[in-house]
Amino acid sequence: MWIREMLSSVAIVLVIGLILFGVSGVWPPMVAVESGSMEPNMEVGDLVFVTEPGRLAPDAADNDIGVVTHEVGEQADYRTFGSYGSVVIYRPPGRTASPIIHRAMFRVEEGENWYDRADDRYHSAADCGDLNHCPAPHDGFITLGDNNGAYDQANGLAAPVRADWVTGVARVRVPYLGYVRLIATGQADPGDVLGTTVAMRGVQVGSVGVGGVNGEATPDERPIVSGGDVTGGAVG
């Protein structure tokens, strides 16, 4: 009976995995968030369902990979994960760490002086010559972690993100389930889950206080967190 139950469980997991793969078009179809650079819209330990670039593309997308930038999202009123535009998973060439999960802010073309299009809240450059990757070395997306104080391109994390660097587009997040993956790979321990739960209870108690309503930090008060890493993994 134990063997039968084990085989049944394995079969169920495989079926779920195949269904998710069929919908997403990528493997693994889910990634676990490792860092806080997308807080509060994505938290460490979230499990995020992703689709391959171009799949389930919204009408607002104006490119082959189905990505809606924050700039276009504002015009079309297209939102995901608490703000305008798409959140993408990308890996620049030569990066050995986990892929990066950040929001696509706007798209630049090769040779473009994008200084005037950039929001000066997310860089400290005086002009294009003082801004990393300006003029743009190639076509690509300017990206930003929702909790970060600088564009990925301004802080040197990555050049403008080419379309072929994008490995997936984030669609849905499930809180806490990503900890299963993080604990299994040694990137977290069970105590982290307990600590997160306690911290969330603390936020709920202080419904109004320093940092904004419900204890949430305002954009100017959020810490700069670089990376926005994710770990790939199927359910479980």
C-alpha atoms as a PDB file:
ATOM      1  CA  MET A   1       0.000   0.000   0.000  1.00  0.00           C
ATOM      2  CA  TRP A   2       2.880   2.371   0.821  1.00  0.00           C
ATOM      3  CA  ILE A   3       4.420   1.767  -2.615  1.00  0.00           C
ATOM      4  CA  ARG A   4       1.059   2.324  -4.288  1.00  0.00           C
ATOM      5  CA  GLU A   5       0.498   5.598  -2.437  1.00  0.00           C
ATOM      6  CA  MET A   6       4.016   6.780  -3.305  1.00  0.00           C
ATOM      7  CA  LEU A   7       3.549   5.958  -6.984  1.00  0.00           C
ATOM      8  CA  SER A   8       0.176   7.725  -6.975  1.00  0.00           C
ATOM      9  CA  SER A   9       1.737  10.854  -5.483  1.00  0.00           C
ATOM     10  CA  VAL A  10       4.552  10.809  -8.017  1.00  0.00           C
ATOM     11  CA  ALA A  11       2.044  10.372 -10.847  1.00  0.00           C
ATOM     12  CA  ILE A  12      -0.032  13.314  -9.608  1.00  0.00           C
ATOM     13  CA  VAL A  13       3.061  15.545  -9.419  1.00  0.00           C
ATOM     14  CA  LEU A  14       4.106  14.512 -12.926  1.00  0.00           C
ATOM     15  CA  VAL A  15       0.645  15.211 -14.333  1.00  0.00           C
ATOM     16  CA  ILE A  16       0.561  18.647 -12.675  1.00  0.00           C
ATOM     17  CA  GLY A  17       4.060  19.360 -13.990  1.00  0.00           C
ATOM     18  CA  LEU A  18       3.086  18.358 -17.521  1.00  0.00           C
ATOM     19  CA  ILE A  19      -0.043  20.514 -17.411  1.00  0.00           C
ATOM     20  CA  LEU A  20       1.950  23.520 -16.200  1.00  0.00           C
ATOM     21  CA  PHE A  21       4.580  22.899 -18.870  1.00  0.00           C
ATOM     22  CA  GLY A  22       1.870  22.702 -21.508  1.00  0.00           C
ATOM     23  CA  VAL A  23       0.477  26.065 -20.419  1.00  0.00           C
ATOM     24  CA  SER A  24       3.783  27.852 -19.816  1.00  0.00           C
ATOM     25  CA  GLY A  25       5.915  26.414 -22.611  1.00  0.00           C
ATOM     26  CA  VAL A  26       9.042  26.547 -20.440  1.00  0.00           C
ATOM     27  CA  TRP A  27      10.711  24.193 -17.986  1.00  0.00           C
ATOM     28  CA  PRO A  28      10.695  24.682 -15.112  1.00  0.00           C
ATOM     29  CA  PRO A  29       7.354  26.503 -15.274  1.00  0.00           C
ATOM     30  CA  MET A  30       7.873  28.041 -11.828  1.00  0.00           C
ATOM     31  CA  VAL A  31      10.697  29.935 -10.148  1.00  0.00           C
ATOM     32  CA  ALA A  32      11.354  30.765  -6.495  1.00  0.00           C
ATOM     33  CA  VAL A  33      12.186  34.351  -5.550  1.00  0.00           C
ATOM     34  CA  GLU A  34      15.514  34.586  -3.704  1.00  0.00           C
ATOM     35  CA  SER A  35      15.875  38.311  -2.923  1.00  0.00           C
ATOM     36  CA  GLY A  36      13.781  41.300  -1.888  1.00  0.00           C
ATOM     37  CA  SER A  37      14.365  43.557  -4.885  1.00  0.00           C
ATOM     38  CA  MET A  38      10.759  43.193  -6.075  1.00  0.00           C
ATOM     39  CA  GLU A  39       9.099  43.802  -2.697  1.00  0.00           C
ATOM     40  CA  PRO A  40       6.337  44.391  -1.843  1.00  0.00           C
ATOM     41  CA  ASN A  41       4.946  43.005  -5.090  1.00  0.00           C
ATOM     42  CA  MET A  42       7.052  39.839  -4.882  1.00  0.00           C
ATOM     43  CA  GLU A  43       8.483  38.522  -1.634  1.00  0.00           C
ATOM     44  CA  VAL A  44      11.378  36.218  -0.854  1.00  0.00           C
ATOM     45  CA  GLY A  45       9.996  32.679  -0.890  1.00  0.00           C
ATOM     46  CA  ASP A  46       7.252  33.364  -3.426  1.00  0.00           C
ATOM     47  CA  LEU A  47       6.747  30.756  -6.123  1.00  0.00           C
ATOM     48  CA  VAL A  48       6.151  32.488  -9.455  1.00  0.00           C
ATOM     49  CA  PHE A  49       4.488  30.861 -12.459  1.00  0.00           C
ATOM     50  CA  VAL A  50       6.134  31.962 -15.721  1.00  0.00           C
ATOM     51  CA  THR A  51       5.396  31.559 -19.417  1.00  0.00           C
ATOM     52  CA  GLU A  52       7.794  31.492 -22.332  1.00  0.00           C
ATOM     53  CA  PRO A  53       8.320  34.818 -24.112  1.00  0.00           C
ATOM     54  CA  GLY A  54       5.495  35.452 -26.558  1.00  0.00           C
ATOM     55  CA  ARG A  55       3.021  33.022 -24.997  1.00  0.00           C
ATOM     56  CA  LEU A  56      -0.259  34.481 -23.682  1.00  0.00           C
ATOM     57  CA  ALA A  57       0.920  37.893 -24.883  1.00  0.00           C
ATOM     58  CA  PRO A  58      -1.487  40.714 -23.951  1.00  0.00           C
ATOM     59  CA  ASP A  59      -2.878  43.047 -26.598  1.00  0.00           C
ATOM     60  CA  ALA A  60      -0.753  45.883 -25.194  1.00  0.00           C
ATOM     61  CA  ALA A  61       2.499  44.095 -26.112  1.00  0.00           C
ATOM     62  CA  ASP A  62       4.239  45.635 -29.128  1.00  0.00           C
ATOM     63  CA  ASN A  63       7.045  43.095 -29.538  1.00  0.00           C
ATOM     64  CA  ASP A  64       7.539  39.424 -30.414  1.00  0.00           C
ATOM     65  CA  ILE A  65       8.199  38.308 -26.844  1.00  0.00           C
ATOM     66  CA  GLY A  66       4.942  39.607 -25.384  1.00  0.00           C
ATOM     67  CA  VAL A  67       6.525  42.062 -22.937  1.00  0.00           C
ATOM     68  CA  VAL A  68       4.649  45.242 -22.028  1.00  0.00           C
ATOM     69  CA  THR A  69       6.970  47.918 -20.683  1.00  0.00           C
ATOM     70  CA  HIS A  70       6.023  50.169 -17.784  1.00  0.00           C
ATOM     71  CA  GLU A  71       6.004  53.068 -20.257  1.00  0.00           C
ATOM     72  CA  VAL A  72       3.500  51.343 -22.568  1.00  0.00           C
ATOM     73  CA  GLY A  73       1.563  49.879 -19.623  1.00  0.00           C
ATOM     74  CA  GLU A  74       0.803  53.369 -18.307  1.00  0.00           C
ATOM     75  CA  GLN A  75      -0.739  54.314 -21.636  1.00  0.00           C
ATOM     76  CA  ALA A  76      -2.703  51.076 -22.014  1.00  0.00           C
ATOM     77  CA  ASP A  77      -3.527  50.714 -18.298  1.00  0.00           C
ATOM     78  CA  TYR A  78      -1.899  47.271 -18.250  1.00  0.00           C
ATOM     79  CA  ARG A  79      -0.710  46.177 -14.800  1.00  0.00           C
ATOM     80  CA  THR A  80       0.962  43.120 -13.342  1.00  0.00           C
ATOM     81  CA  PHE A  81       2.191  42.538  -9.801  1.00  0.00           C
ATOM     82  CA  GLY A  82       1.114  45.886  -8.450  1.00  0.00           C
ATOM     83  CA  SER A  83       2.447  48.211 -11.137  1.00  0.00           C
ATOM     84  CA  TYR A  84       2.432  48.943 -14.854  1.00  0.00           C
ATOM     85  CA  GLY A  85       4.113  46.633 -17.340  1.00  0.00           C
ATOM     86  CA  SER A  86       5.499  43.107 -17.374  1.00  0.00           C
ATOM     87  CA  VAL A  87       7.916  41.469 -14.966  1.00  0.00           C
ATOM     88  CA  VAL A  88      10.502  39.450 -16.865  1.00  0.00           C
ATOM     89  CA  ILE A  89      13.036  36.781 -15.964  1.00  0.00           C
ATOM     90  CA  TYR A  90      16.326  37.292 -17.767  1.00  0.00           C
ATOM     91  CA  ARG A  91      19.920  36.084 -17.732  1.00  0.00           C
ATOM     92  CA  PRO A  92      22.651  38.271 -19.242  1.00  0.00           C
ATOM     93  CA  PRO A  93      25.516  36.491 -21.036  1.00  0.00           C
ATOM     94  CA  GLY A  94      28.218  35.345 -18.641  1.00  0.00           C
ATOM     95  CA  ARG A  95      26.019  35.486 -15.550  1.00  0.00           C
ATOM     96  CA  THR A  96      26.624  32.391 -13.435  1.00  0.00           C
ATOM     97  CA  ALA A  97      24.267  33.374 -10.612  1.00  0.00           C
ATOM     98  CA  SER A  98      20.521  32.801 -10.715  1.00  0.00           C
ATOM     99  CA  PRO A  99      18.453  34.612 -13.360  1.00  0.00           C
ATOM    100  CA  ILE A 100      17.118  38.091 -12.527  1.00  0.00           C
ATOM    101  CA  ILE A 101      13.421  38.886 -12.145  1.00  0.00           C
ATOM    102  CA  HIS A 102      12.669  42.603 -12.614  1.00  0.00           C
ATOM    103  CA  ARG A 103      10.166  44.879 -14.340  1.00  0.00           C
ATOM    104  CA  ALA A 104      10.669  46.057 -17.948  1.00  0.00           C
ATOM    105  CA  MET A 105      10.490  49.863 -17.763  1.00  0.00           C
ATOM    106  CA  PHE A 106      10.998  50.974 -21.369  1.00  0.00           C
ATOM    107  CA  ARG A 107      12.702  49.825 -24.533  1.00  0.00           C
ATOM    108  CA  VAL A 108      15.721  51.498 -26.142  1.00  0.00           C
ATOM    109  CA  GLU A 109      17.285  51.142 -29.574  1.00  0.00           C
ATOM    110  CA  GLU A 110      20.956  50.737 -30.436  1.00  0.00           C
ATOM    111  CA  GLY A 111      22.747  54.081 -30.234  1.00  0.00           C
ATOM    112  CA  GLU A 112      19.843  55.821 -28.478  1.00  0.00           C
ATOM    113  CA  ASN A 113      20.515  58.545 -25.941  1.00  0.00           C
ATOM    114  CA  TRP A 114      17.971  57.389 -23.371  1.00  0.00           C
ATOM    115  CA  TYR A 115      18.983  59.818 -20.626  1.00  0.00           C
ATOM    116  CA  ASP A 116      15.987  62.116 -21.161  1.00  0.00           C
ATOM    117  CA  ARG A 117      13.568  59.170 -21.052  1.00  0.00           C
ATOM    118  CA  ALA A 118      14.966  57.881 -17.770  1.00  0.00           C
ATOM    119  CA  ASP A 119      13.377  58.803 -14.446  1.00  0.00           C
ATOM    120  CA  ASP A 120      16.033  60.632 -12.444  1.00  0.00           C
ATOM    121  CA  ARG A 121      14.810  58.879  -9.284  1.00  0.00           C
ATOM    122  CA  TYR A 122      16.529  55.739 -10.580  1.00  0.00           C
ATOM    123  CA  HIS A 123      19.952  57.096 -11.539  1.00  0.00           C
ATOM    124  CA  SER A 124      22.351  59.801 -10.396  1.00  0.00           C
ATOM    125  CA  ALA A 125      23.949  60.668 -13.744  1.00  0.00           C
ATOM    126  CA  ALA A 126      24.310  64.262 -14.927  1.00  0.00           C
ATOM    127  CA  ASP A 127      24.016  63.395 -18.619  1.00  0.00           C
ATOM    128  CA  CYS A 128      24.132  60.471 -21.055  1.00  0.00           C
ATOM    129  CA  GLY A 129      27.907  60.298 -20.903  1.00  0.00           C
ATOM    130  CA  ASP A 130      27.695  59.849 -17.139  1.00  0.00           C
ATOM    131  CA  LEU A 131      25.033  57.127 -17.360  1.00  0.00           C
ATOM    132  CA  ASN A 132      26.059  53.481 -17.766  1.00  0.00           C
ATOM    133  CA  HIS A 133      25.150  51.980 -21.153  1.00  0.00           C
ATOM    134  CA  CYS A 134      24.200  55.351 -22.630  1.00  0.00           C
ATOM    135  CA  PRO A 135      24.041  55.633 -25.593  1.00  0.00           C
ATOM    136  CA  ALA A 136      22.502  52.157 -25.741  1.00  0.00           C
ATOM    137  CA  PRO A 137      25.019  49.572 -27.025  1.00  0.00           C
ATOM    138  CA  HIS A 138      22.161  47.557 -28.585  1.00  0.00           C
ATOM    139  CA  ASP A 139      18.369  47.243 -28.645  1.00  0.00           C
ATOM    140  CA  GLY A 140      16.918  46.127 -25.333  1.00  0.00           C
ATOM    141  CA  PHE A 141      14.831  46.804 -22.248  1.00  0.00           C
ATOM    142  CA  ILE A 142      15.738  49.071 -19.345  1.00  0.00           C
ATOM    143  CA  THR A 143      14.772  47.128 -16.218  1.00  0.00           C
ATOM    144  CA  LEU A 144      14.220  47.867 -12.548  1.00  0.00           C
ATOM    145  CA  GLY A 145      13.451  46.007  -9.344  1.00  0.00           C
ATOM    146  CA  ASP A 146      10.330  47.524  -7.762  1.00  0.00           C
ATOM    147  CA  ASN A 147      12.221  47.860  -4.473  1.00  0.00           C
ATOM    148  CA  ASN A 148      15.466  49.143  -5.992  1.00  0.00           C
ATOM    149  CA  GLY A 149      16.733  52.702  -6.192  1.00  0.00           C
ATOM    150  CA  ALA A 150      18.451  52.397  -9.578  1.00  0.00           C
ATOM    151  CA  TYR A 151      17.865  50.866 -12.981  1.00  0.00           C
ATOM    152  CA  ASP A 152      19.749  47.611 -13.530  1.00  0.00           C
ATOM    153  CA  GLN A 153      21.579  49.363 -16.335  1.00  0.00           C
ATOM    154  CA  ALA A 154      22.491  52.403 -14.222  1.00  0.00           C
ATOM    155  CA  ASN A 155      23.961  50.334 -11.376  1.00  0.00           C
ATOM    156  CA  GLY A 156      25.885  48.032 -13.716  1.00  0.00           C
ATOM    157  CA  LEU A 157      23.849  44.889 -13.057  1.00  0.00           C
ATOM    158  CA  ALA A 158      23.165  44.388 -16.768  1.00  0.00           C
ATOM    159  CA  ALA A 159      23.257  46.098 -20.147  1.00  0.00           C
ATOM    160  CA  PRO A 160      19.905  46.811 -21.834  1.00  0.00           C
ATOM    161  CA  VAL A 161      18.158  43.446 -21.817  1.00  0.00           C
ATOM    162  CA  ARG A 162      18.077  41.893 -25.265  1.00  0.00           C
ATOM    163  CA  ALA A 163      14.961  39.958 -26.246  1.00  0.00           C
ATOM    164  CA  ASP A 164      16.925  36.699 -26.401  1.00  0.00           C
ATOM    165  CA  TRP A 165      18.099  37.165 -22.798  1.00  0.00           C
ATOM    166  CA  VAL A 166      14.488  36.972 -21.584  1.00  0.00           C
ATOM    167  CA  THR A 167      13.715  33.405 -20.520  1.00  0.00           C
ATOM    168  CA  GLY A 168      10.204  33.971 -19.229  1.00  0.00           C
ATOM    169  CA  VAL A 169       7.456  36.408 -18.261  1.00  0.00           C
ATOM    170  CA  ALA A 170       6.026  36.286 -14.730  1.00  0.00           C
ATOM    171  CA  ARG A 171       2.284  35.648 -14.509  1.00  0.00           C
ATOM    172  CA  VAL A 172       1.155  34.542 -11.033  1.00  0.00           C
ATOM    173  CA  ARG A 173       2.807  34.316  -7.631  1.00  0.00           C
ATOM    174  CA  VAL A 174       2.044  31.942  -4.778  1.00  0.00           C
ATOM    175  CA  PRO A 175       3.368  33.092  -1.369  1.00  0.00           C
ATOM    176  CA  TYR A 176       5.666  30.798   0.670  1.00  0.00           C
ATOM    177  CA  LEU A 177       5.706  27.810  -1.697  1.00  0.00           C
ATOM    178  CA  GLY A 178       9.053  28.926  -3.109  1.00  0.00           C
ATOM    179  CA  TYR A 179      10.630  28.195   0.271  1.00  0.00           C
ATOM    180  CA  VAL A 180      10.330  24.487  -0.536  1.00  0.00           C
ATOM    181  CA  ARG A 181      12.760  24.998  -3.392  1.00  0.00           C
ATOM    182  CA  LEU A 182      15.013  27.398  -1.471  1.00  0.00           C
ATOM    183  CA  ILE A 183      15.284  25.053   1.517  1.00  0.00           C
ATOM    184  CA  ALA A 184      15.947  22.055  -0.743  1.00  0.00           C
ATOM    185  CA  THR A 185      18.824  23.892  -2.444  1.00  0.00           C
ATOM    186  CA  GLY A 186      20.289  25.209   0.815  1.00  0.00           C
ATOM    187  CA  GLN A 187      19.439  28.857   0.056  1.00  0.00           C
ATOM    188  CA  ALA A 188      17.079  29.103   3.023  1.00  0.00           C
ATOM    189  CA  ASP A 189      16.272  27.201   6.188  1.00  0.00           C
ATOM    190  CA  PRO A 190      12.957  26.473   7.930  1.00  0.00           C
ATOM    191  CA  GLY A 191      13.610  29.295  10.381  1.00  0.00           C
ATOM    192  CA  ASP A 192      13.376  31.808   7.537  1.00  0.00           C
ATOM    193  CA  VAL A 193       9.748  30.832   6.952  1.00  0.00           C
ATOM    194  CA  LEU A 194       8.921  31.337  10.637  1.00  0.00           C
ATOM    195  CA  GLY A 195      10.736  34.680  10.661  1.00  0.00           C
ATOM    196  CA  THR A 196       8.786  35.869   7.641  1.00  0.00           C
ATOM    197  CA  THR A 197       5.478  34.885   9.264  1.00  0.00           C
ATOM    198  CA  VAL A 198       6.347  36.742  12.472  1.00  0.00           C
ATOM    199  CA  ALA A 199       7.401  39.836  10.517  1.00  0.00           C
ATOM    200  CA  MET A 200       4.134  39.859   8.569  1.00  0.00           C
ATOM    201  CA  ARG A 201       2.165  39.652  11.812  1.00  0.00           C
ATOM    202  CA  GLY A 202       4.125  42.643  13.086  1.00  0.00           C
ATOM    203  CA  VAL A 203       3.170  44.639  10.003  1.00  0.00           C
ATOM    204  CA  GLN A 204      -0.505  43.769  10.462  1.00  0.00           C
ATOM    205  CA  VAL A 205      -0.458  44.954  14.065  1.00  0.00           C
ATOM    206  CA  GLY A 206       0.959  48.371  13.139  1.00  0.00           C
ATOM    207  CA  SER A 207      -1.711  49.333  10.612  1.00  0.00           C
ATOM    208  CA  VAL A 208      -0.534  52.958  10.396  1.00  0.00           C
ATOM    209  CA  GLY A 209       2.955  54.156  11.199  1.00  0.00           C
ATOM    210  CA  VAL A 210       6.326  55.238   9.876  1.00  0.00           C
ATOM    211  CA  GLY A 211       6.706  54.054   6.296  1.00  0.00           C
ATOM    212  CA  GLY A 212       3.066  54.372   5.254  1.00  0.00           C
ATOM    213  CA  VAL A 213      -0.275  52.697   5.653  1.00  0.00           C
ATOM    214  CA  ASN A 214      -0.184  49.107   6.966  1.00  0.00           C
ATOM    215  CA  GLY A 215       3.496  49.477   7.758  1.00  0.00           C
ATOM    216  CA  GLU A 216       4.466  49.404   4.076  1.00  0.00           C
ATOM    217  CA  ALA A 217       7.507  51.451   3.169  1.00  0.00           C
ATOM    218  CA  THR A 218       7.006  54.281   0.735  1.00  0.00           C
ATOM    219  CA  PRO A 219       9.137  54.167  -2.463  1.00  0.00           C
ATOM    220  CA  ASP A 220      11.637  56.694  -1.080  1.00  0.00           C
ATOM    221  CA  GLU A 221      12.059  54.706   2.143  1.00  0.00           C
ATOM    222  CA  ARG A 222      12.509  51.252   0.647  1.00  0.00           C
ATOM    223  CA  PRO A 223      16.048  49.909   0.766  1.00  0.00           C
ATOM    224  CA  ILE A 224      18.100  49.468  -2.385  1.00  0.00           C
ATOM    225  CA  VAL A 225      18.333  45.743  -3.041  1.00  0.00           C
ATOM    226  CA  SER A 226      20.142  44.576  -6.152  1.00  0.00           C
ATOM    227  CA  GLY A 227      19.901  41.256  -7.914  1.00  0.00           C
ATOM    228  CA  GLY A 228      16.287  40.173  -7.863  1.00  0.00           C
ATOM    229  CA  ASP A 229      17.389  36.569  -8.232  1.00  0.00           C
ATOM    230  CA  VAL A 230      15.140  33.593  -8.796  1.00  0.00           C
ATOM    231  CA  THR A 231      15.762  29.886  -8.515  1.00  0.00           C
ATOM    232  CA  GLY A 232      14.177  27.655 -11.123  1.00  0.00           C
ATOM    233  CA  GLY A 233      12.151  24.680 -10.066  1.00  0.00           C
ATOM    234  CA  ALA A 234       9.022  22.704 -10.713  1.00  0.00           C
ATOM    235  CA  VAL A 235       6.302  22.338  -8.080  1.00  0.00           C
ATOM    236  CA  GLY A 236       7.925  20.828  -5.011  1.00  0.00           C
END
